[in-house]
């Protein structure tokens, strides 16, 4: 059996959930992402910071018509690739266990 490599940055449960949610969209606003994960602002911010430091996500702030700043999060090309690789490693592990 070949050695399965997990991406330790992505493997943490909340970061894995973040990547899974972002993989299906071009970008997602901070508040809906927070609601999907059912976490506080500080918990989400901490997890996003780890992903951003690895260049897996891009965070952009845009001023809405109301004047409030809105924060948007998207996977980078590197982040999408890392997520796909991690997902493949998980599938390989599951496949090896079920046989």
N, C-alpha and C. Protein backbone atom coordinates (compact mmCIF):
# COMPACT_ATOMS: atom_id res chain seq x y z
N UNK A 1 0.84 -1.18 0.00
CA UNK A 1 0.00 0.00 0.00
C UNK A 1 0.89 1.24 0.00
N UNK A 2 0.60 2.20 -0.89
CA UNK A 2 1.39 3.43 -0.92
C UNK A 2 0.98 4.34 0.23
N UNK A 3 1.91 5.15 0.63
CA UNK A 3 1.67 6.06 1.75
C UNK A 3 0.72 7.17 1.32
N UNK A 4 -0.30 7.41 2.12
CA UNK A 4 -1.29 8.45 1.83
C UNK A 4 -0.86 9.72 2.54
N UNK A 5 -0.80 10.80 1.78
CA UNK A 5 -0.37 12.09 2.34
C UNK A 5 -1.58 13.01 2.51
N UNK A 6 -1.82 13.40 3.71
CA UNK A 6 -2.86 14.37 4.00
C UNK A 6 -2.24 15.76 4.03
N UNK A 7 -3.03 16.75 3.70
CA UNK A 7 -2.60 18.14 3.84
C UNK A 7 -2.99 18.56 5.26
N UNK A 8 -2.01 18.72 6.13
CA UNK A 8 -2.30 19.02 7.53
C UNK A 8 -2.97 20.37 7.74
N UNK A 9 -2.77 21.29 6.81
CA UNK A 9 -3.44 22.59 6.90
C UNK A 9 -4.94 22.40 6.67
N UNK A 10 -5.28 21.64 5.67
CA UNK A 10 -6.69 21.44 5.31
C UNK A 10 -7.37 20.43 6.23
N UNK A 11 -6.64 19.47 6.76
CA UNK A 11 -7.25 18.34 7.47
C UNK A 11 -8.02 18.73 8.74
N UNK A 12 -7.69 19.82 9.37
CA UNK A 12 -8.44 20.25 10.57
C UNK A 12 -9.92 20.39 10.19
N UNK A 13 -10.82 19.87 11.01
CA UNK A 13 -12.24 19.80 10.63
C UNK A 13 -12.85 21.09 10.09
N UNK A 14 -12.68 22.20 10.77
CA UNK A 14 -13.30 23.45 10.29
C UNK A 14 -12.65 23.93 8.99
N UNK A 15 -11.34 23.77 8.87
CA UNK A 15 -10.69 24.18 7.62
C UNK A 15 -11.09 23.28 6.46
N UNK A 16 -11.29 22.01 6.72
CA UNK A 16 -11.78 21.10 5.69
C UNK A 16 -13.18 21.51 5.26
N UNK A 17 -14.03 21.86 6.20
CA UNK A 17 -15.38 22.33 5.88
C UNK A 17 -15.33 23.62 5.08
N UNK A 18 -14.47 24.53 5.46
CA UNK A 18 -14.33 25.79 4.72
C UNK A 18 -13.95 25.51 3.28
N UNK A 19 -12.95 24.67 3.07
CA UNK A 19 -12.51 24.36 1.71
C UNK A 19 -13.62 23.67 0.92
N UNK A 20 -14.35 22.77 1.55
CA UNK A 20 -15.44 22.08 0.87
C UNK A 20 -16.52 23.07 0.43
N UNK A 21 -16.85 24.02 1.28
CA UNK A 21 -17.85 25.02 0.92
C UNK A 21 -17.35 25.93 -0.20
N UNK A 22 -16.09 26.36 -0.11
CA UNK A 22 -15.54 27.26 -1.11
C UNK A 22 -15.28 26.58 -2.45
N UNK A 23 -15.09 25.26 -2.44
CA UNK A 23 -14.82 24.54 -3.67
C UNK A 23 -16.00 24.58 -4.64
N UNK A 24 -17.18 24.83 -4.11
CA UNK A 24 -18.39 24.83 -4.93
C UNK A 24 -18.82 26.20 -5.43
N UNK A 25 -18.06 27.23 -5.09
CA UNK A 25 -18.42 28.60 -5.47
C UNK A 25 -17.16 29.37 -5.88
N UNK A 26 -17.36 30.50 -6.54
CA UNK A 26 -16.22 31.36 -6.86
C UNK A 26 -15.73 32.08 -5.61
N UNK A 27 -16.68 32.54 -4.80
CA UNK A 27 -16.35 33.19 -3.54
C UNK A 27 -17.56 33.15 -2.64
N UNK A 28 -17.34 33.36 -1.36
CA UNK A 28 -18.43 33.34 -0.39
C UNK A 28 -18.19 34.46 0.61
N UNK A 29 -19.26 35.10 0.99
CA UNK A 29 -19.16 36.17 1.98
C UNK A 29 -18.94 35.57 3.37
N UNK A 30 -18.24 36.31 4.21
CA UNK A 30 -17.87 35.87 5.55
C UNK A 30 -19.09 35.43 6.37
N UNK A 31 -20.13 36.25 6.42
CA UNK A 31 -21.28 35.96 7.28
C UNK A 31 -22.01 34.66 6.90
N UNK A 32 -22.32 34.43 5.62
CA UNK A 32 -22.94 33.14 5.28
C UNK A 32 -22.00 31.95 5.54
N UNK A 33 -20.71 32.15 5.35
CA UNK A 33 -19.75 31.09 5.64
C UNK A 33 -19.77 30.77 7.13
N UNK A 34 -19.79 31.80 7.94
CA UNK A 34 -19.85 31.64 9.39
C UNK A 34 -21.14 30.92 9.79
N UNK A 35 -22.26 31.28 9.17
CA UNK A 35 -23.54 30.65 9.48
C UNK A 35 -23.54 29.17 9.09
N UNK A 36 -22.96 28.85 7.94
CA UNK A 36 -22.89 27.45 7.50
C UNK A 36 -22.09 26.61 8.49
N UNK A 37 -21.01 27.17 9.00
CA UNK A 37 -20.13 26.44 9.91
C UNK A 37 -20.60 26.47 11.35
N UNK A 38 -21.53 27.38 11.64
CA UNK A 38 -22.05 27.55 13.00
C UNK A 38 -20.92 27.83 14.00
N UNK A 39 -20.10 28.83 13.66
CA UNK A 39 -18.99 29.24 14.52
C UNK A 39 -19.06 30.75 14.75
N UNK A 40 -18.26 31.22 15.69
CA UNK A 40 -18.18 32.65 15.97
C UNK A 40 -17.27 33.34 14.96
N UNK A 41 -17.34 34.67 14.93
CA UNK A 41 -16.44 35.44 14.08
C UNK A 41 -14.99 35.10 14.36
N UNK A 42 -14.63 35.03 15.64
CA UNK A 42 -13.23 34.80 16.00
C UNK A 42 -12.75 33.41 15.57
N UNK A 43 -13.59 32.41 15.71
CA UNK A 43 -13.20 31.05 15.30
C UNK A 43 -12.99 31.01 13.79
N UNK A 44 -13.93 31.58 13.04
CA UNK A 44 -13.78 31.58 11.59
C UNK A 44 -12.56 32.38 11.17
N UNK A 45 -12.35 33.54 11.76
CA UNK A 45 -11.19 34.37 11.42
C UNK A 45 -9.88 33.62 11.65
N UNK A 46 -9.80 32.90 12.76
CA UNK A 46 -8.58 32.13 13.08
C UNK A 46 -8.33 31.06 12.02
N UNK A 47 -9.37 30.34 11.63
CA UNK A 47 -9.22 29.28 10.63
C UNK A 47 -8.88 29.87 9.26
N UNK A 48 -9.49 30.99 8.91
CA UNK A 48 -9.20 31.63 7.64
C UNK A 48 -7.76 32.13 7.59
N UNK A 49 -7.27 32.62 8.72
CA UNK A 49 -5.89 33.12 8.77
C UNK A 49 -4.90 32.01 8.44
N UNK A 50 -5.13 30.82 8.98
CA UNK A 50 -4.24 29.68 8.71
C UNK A 50 -4.27 29.35 7.22
N UNK A 51 -5.46 29.31 6.63
CA UNK A 51 -5.58 29.01 5.20
C UNK A 51 -4.95 30.12 4.35
N UNK A 52 -5.13 31.37 4.76
CA UNK A 52 -4.56 32.49 4.02
C UNK A 52 -3.04 32.48 4.09
N UNK A 53 -2.47 32.15 5.24
CA UNK A 53 -1.01 32.10 5.39
C UNK A 53 -0.39 31.01 4.51
N UNK A 54 -1.17 30.01 4.16
CA UNK A 54 -0.70 28.94 3.27
C UNK A 54 -1.02 29.24 1.81
N UNK A 55 -1.56 30.42 1.55
CA UNK A 55 -1.96 30.85 0.21
C UNK A 55 -3.05 29.95 -0.38
N UNK A 56 -3.88 29.37 0.48
CA UNK A 56 -4.97 28.53 0.02
C UNK A 56 -6.25 29.32 -0.22
N UNK A 57 -6.37 30.45 0.43
CA UNK A 57 -7.55 31.31 0.21
C UNK A 57 -7.11 32.75 -0.01
N UNK A 58 -8.02 33.50 -0.60
CA UNK A 58 -7.84 34.94 -0.76
C UNK A 58 -9.00 35.61 -0.03
N UNK A 59 -8.69 36.62 0.72
CA UNK A 59 -9.70 37.38 1.44
C UNK A 59 -9.71 38.78 0.86
N UNK A 60 -10.91 39.23 0.50
CA UNK A 60 -11.02 40.60 -0.02
C UNK A 60 -12.15 41.31 0.72
N UNK A 61 -11.95 42.59 0.90
CA UNK A 61 -12.96 43.41 1.57
C UNK A 61 -13.49 44.42 0.56
N UNK A 62 -14.81 44.49 0.48
CA UNK A 62 -15.46 45.42 -0.44
C UNK A 62 -16.50 46.22 0.32
N UNK A 63 -16.57 47.47 -0.03
CA UNK A 63 -17.56 48.33 0.61
C UNK A 63 -18.89 48.18 -0.13
N UNK A 64 -19.92 47.84 0.63
CA UNK A 64 -21.26 47.67 0.07
C UNK A 64 -21.90 49.04 -0.13
N UNK A 65 -22.99 49.08 -0.86
CA UNK A 65 -23.71 50.34 -1.10
C UNK A 65 -24.15 50.99 0.20
N UNK A 66 -24.37 50.18 1.23
CA UNK A 66 -24.78 50.70 2.54
C UNK A 66 -23.62 51.35 3.29
N UNK A 67 -22.39 51.19 2.78
CA UNK A 67 -21.23 51.77 3.43
C UNK A 67 -20.48 50.78 4.30
N UNK A 68 -21.10 49.65 4.59
CA UNK A 68 -20.43 48.64 5.40
C UNK A 68 -19.43 47.86 4.56
N UNK A 69 -18.35 47.46 5.20
CA UNK A 69 -17.39 46.60 4.51
C UNK A 69 -17.89 45.16 4.58
N UNK A 70 -17.78 44.48 3.47
CA UNK A 70 -18.13 43.07 3.41
C UNK A 70 -16.87 42.29 3.08
N UNK A 71 -16.70 41.17 3.76
CA UNK A 71 -15.52 40.34 3.56
C UNK A 71 -15.90 39.13 2.72
N UNK A 72 -15.12 38.90 1.66
CA UNK A 72 -15.34 37.79 0.75
C UNK A 72 -14.15 36.85 0.82
N UNK A 73 -14.42 35.56 0.71
CA UNK A 73 -13.38 34.54 0.80
C UNK A 73 -13.47 33.65 -0.44
N UNK A 74 -12.32 33.33 -1.03
CA UNK A 74 -12.30 32.42 -2.18
C UNK A 74 -11.06 31.54 -2.11
N UNK A 75 -11.17 30.36 -2.69
CA UNK A 75 -10.00 29.48 -2.80
C UNK A 75 -9.09 29.99 -3.90
N UNK A 76 -7.81 29.94 -3.68
CA UNK A 76 -6.84 30.25 -4.73
C UNK A 76 -6.66 29.00 -5.60
N UNK A 77 -5.94 29.14 -6.69
CA UNK A 77 -5.63 27.97 -7.52
C UNK A 77 -4.88 26.93 -6.69
N UNK A 78 -3.91 27.38 -5.89
CA UNK A 78 -3.16 26.48 -5.02
C UNK A 78 -4.09 25.81 -4.01
N UNK A 79 -5.02 26.59 -3.46
CA UNK A 79 -5.96 26.05 -2.48
C UNK A 79 -6.88 25.00 -3.08
N UNK A 80 -7.37 25.26 -4.29
CA UNK A 80 -8.23 24.27 -4.97
C UNK A 80 -7.45 22.99 -5.23
N UNK A 81 -6.22 23.13 -5.66
CA UNK A 81 -5.38 21.96 -5.93
C UNK A 81 -5.10 21.18 -4.64
N UNK A 82 -4.78 21.88 -3.58
CA UNK A 82 -4.49 21.23 -2.30
C UNK A 82 -5.74 20.53 -1.77
N UNK A 83 -6.89 21.16 -1.90
CA UNK A 83 -8.14 20.55 -1.45
C UNK A 83 -8.44 19.29 -2.25
N UNK A 84 -8.28 19.36 -3.57
CA UNK A 84 -8.53 18.18 -4.41
C UNK A 84 -7.58 17.04 -4.04
N UNK A 85 -6.32 17.37 -3.80
CA UNK A 85 -5.34 16.36 -3.40
C UNK A 85 -5.68 15.73 -2.06
N UNK A 86 -6.11 16.56 -1.12
CA UNK A 86 -6.47 16.05 0.20
C UNK A 86 -7.70 15.16 0.10
N UNK A 87 -8.66 15.59 -0.71
CA UNK A 87 -9.87 14.80 -0.92
C UNK A 87 -9.52 13.44 -1.55
N UNK A 88 -8.61 13.45 -2.49
CA UNK A 88 -8.17 12.19 -3.13
C UNK A 88 -7.50 11.28 -2.10
N UNK A 89 -6.71 11.85 -1.20
CA UNK A 89 -6.06 11.05 -0.15
C UNK A 89 -7.10 10.42 0.77
N UNK A 90 -8.14 11.18 1.10
CA UNK A 90 -9.22 10.64 1.94
C UNK A 90 -9.95 9.51 1.22
N UNK A 91 -10.25 9.71 -0.07
CA UNK A 91 -10.93 8.67 -0.85
C UNK A 91 -10.06 7.42 -0.94
N UNK A 92 -8.76 7.58 -1.12
CA UNK A 92 -7.86 6.44 -1.20
C UNK A 92 -7.85 5.67 0.12
N UNK A 93 -7.84 6.39 1.22
CA UNK A 93 -7.86 5.75 2.53
C UNK A 93 -9.16 4.99 2.72
N UNK A 94 -10.26 5.60 2.39
CA UNK A 94 -11.56 4.94 2.55
C UNK A 94 -11.64 3.71 1.65
N UNK A 95 -11.15 3.83 0.42
CA UNK A 95 -11.13 2.69 -0.49
C UNK A 95 -10.30 1.55 0.04
N UNK A 96 -9.16 1.86 0.65
CA UNK A 96 -8.28 0.81 1.19
C UNK A 96 -8.88 0.16 2.43
N UNK A 97 -9.64 0.90 3.20
CA UNK A 97 -10.25 0.36 4.41
C UNK A 97 -11.41 -0.58 4.07
N UNK A 98 -12.18 -0.20 3.04
CA UNK A 98 -13.38 -0.97 2.72
C UNK A 98 -13.09 -2.26 1.98
N UNK A 99 -11.85 -2.48 1.57
CA UNK A 99 -11.53 -3.72 0.85
C UNK A 99 -10.94 -4.75 1.74
